[in-house]
Amino acid sequence: MDSYLVCYDISNPKRLRKVARTCEDFGYRKQLSVFLVRVSATDFVRLRTRLYDIINLDEDQVLFLPLTDACLQRMETIGRPTDAYDKNDNAIVV
């Protein structure tokens, strides 16, 4: 399984809700528009395809930032705590 930080900036509230729901199907919300996603290569393609079909390519943006296990273990926060990375976390795709 590969890990990604998925971040988005969506200009339309309806598309924003659809993007958030799609990301929830694949990962865990870390901030309002930031998700930690742990997926197989096949599920990563599914996620990208679903988001591509939702967003307006001229107005919206979705970033997929690949993360290594070392990056995840070194994750730090300031302020409100976040859940610690667990190597056994799995995303369940419905």
Protein backbone atom coordinates (compact mmCIF):
# COMPACT_ATOMS: atom_id res chain seq x y z
CA MET A 1 0.00 0.00 0.00
CA ASP A 2 1.16 3.49 -0.84
CA SER A 3 0.47 6.60 1.23
CA TYR A 4 -0.52 9.99 -0.14
CA LEU A 5 -1.49 13.32 1.28
CA VAL A 6 -4.45 14.49 -0.80
CA CYS A 7 -5.11 18.24 -0.62
CA TYR A 8 -7.69 20.15 -2.59
CA ASP A 9 -8.96 23.62 -3.37
CA ILE A 10 -12.46 23.43 -4.89
CA SER A 11 -14.31 26.61 -5.85
CA ASN A 12 -17.89 25.28 -5.95
CA PRO A 13 -19.61 24.10 -2.71
CA LYS A 14 -21.43 21.22 -4.43
CA ARG A 15 -18.23 19.90 -6.01
CA LEU A 16 -16.42 20.47 -2.71
CA ARG A 17 -18.84 18.14 -0.88
CA LYS A 18 -18.47 15.49 -3.60
CA VAL A 19 -14.68 15.67 -3.46
CA ALA A 20 -14.71 15.41 0.35
CA ARG A 21 -17.06 12.39 0.26
CA THR A 22 -14.87 10.71 -2.34
CA CYS A 23 -11.73 11.27 -0.26
CA GLU A 24 -13.53 9.90 2.81
CA ASP A 25 -14.12 6.68 0.87
CA PHE A 26 -10.38 6.23 0.47
CA GLY A 27 -8.70 7.78 3.50
CA TYR A 28 -8.75 9.75 6.72
CA ARG A 29 -9.40 13.47 7.08
CA LYS A 30 -6.46 15.29 8.67
CA GLN A 31 -7.70 18.85 8.10
CA LEU A 32 -10.66 20.41 6.30
CA SER A 33 -9.22 19.87 2.82
CA VAL A 34 -6.42 17.41 3.61
CA PHE A 35 -6.65 13.62 3.69
CA LEU A 36 -4.17 10.86 4.46
CA VAL A 37 -4.84 8.10 1.95
CA ARG A 38 -3.28 4.60 2.07
CA VAL A 39 -4.23 2.70 -1.07
CA SER A 40 -3.11 0.06 -3.52
CA ALA A 41 -2.01 1.17 -6.97
CA THR A 42 -5.42 0.11 -8.34
CA ASP A 43 -7.33 2.09 -5.72
CA PHE A 44 -5.13 5.13 -6.35
CA VAL A 45 -6.20 5.05 -10.00
CA ARG A 46 -9.85 4.74 -8.87
CA LEU A 47 -9.48 7.73 -6.54
CA ARG A 48 -7.86 9.89 -9.23
CA THR A 49 -10.51 8.91 -11.78
CA ARG A 50 -13.41 9.67 -9.45
CA LEU A 51 -11.94 13.06 -8.53
CA TYR A 52 -11.15 13.86 -12.17
CA ASP A 53 -14.81 13.26 -13.02
CA ILE A 54 -15.97 15.63 -10.25
CA ILE A 55 -13.72 18.66 -10.46
CA ASN A 56 -13.71 21.53 -12.92
CA LEU A 57 -10.23 21.40 -14.42
CA ASP A 58 -10.18 25.17 -15.01
CA GLU A 59 -11.26 26.20 -11.49
CA ASP A 60 -10.27 23.44 -9.05
CA GLN A 61 -7.08 21.73 -7.96
CA VAL A 62 -6.26 18.43 -6.25
CA LEU A 63 -2.73 17.63 -5.10
CA PHE A 64 -1.47 14.07 -4.54
CA LEU A 65 1.70 14.10 -2.45
CA PRO A 66 3.37 10.68 -2.07
CA LEU A 67 4.60 9.89 1.44
CA THR A 68 7.11 7.34 2.67
CA ASP A 69 6.75 5.43 5.93
CA ALA A 70 9.60 7.53 7.32
CA CYS A 71 7.66 10.73 6.49
CA LEU A 72 4.55 9.41 8.21
CA GLN A 73 6.42 8.39 11.35
CA ARG A 74 7.95 11.87 11.61
CA MET A 75 4.62 13.69 11.23
CA GLU A 76 4.25 16.47 13.80
CA THR A 77 1.47 18.86 14.70
CA ILE A 78 1.18 22.15 16.51
CA GLY A 79 -2.11 22.94 18.16
CA ARG A 80 -5.04 20.53 17.94
CA PRO A 81 -3.68 16.95 18.01
CA THR A 82 -3.94 14.56 15.09
CA ASP A 83 -4.21 10.78 15.19
CA ALA A 84 -0.84 9.11 15.09
CA TYR A 85 0.05 7.19 11.95
CA ASP A 86 -0.52 3.48 12.39
CA LYS A 87 1.20 1.14 9.96
CA ASN A 88 -1.81 -1.20 10.22
CA ASP A 89 -4.32 1.45 9.10
CA ASN A 90 -6.24 0.43 6.03
CA ALA A 91 -8.66 2.38 3.91
CA ILE A 92 -11.93 0.63 3.15
CA VAL A 93 -13.38 1.54 -0.21
CA VAL A 94 -17.12 1.13 -0.66
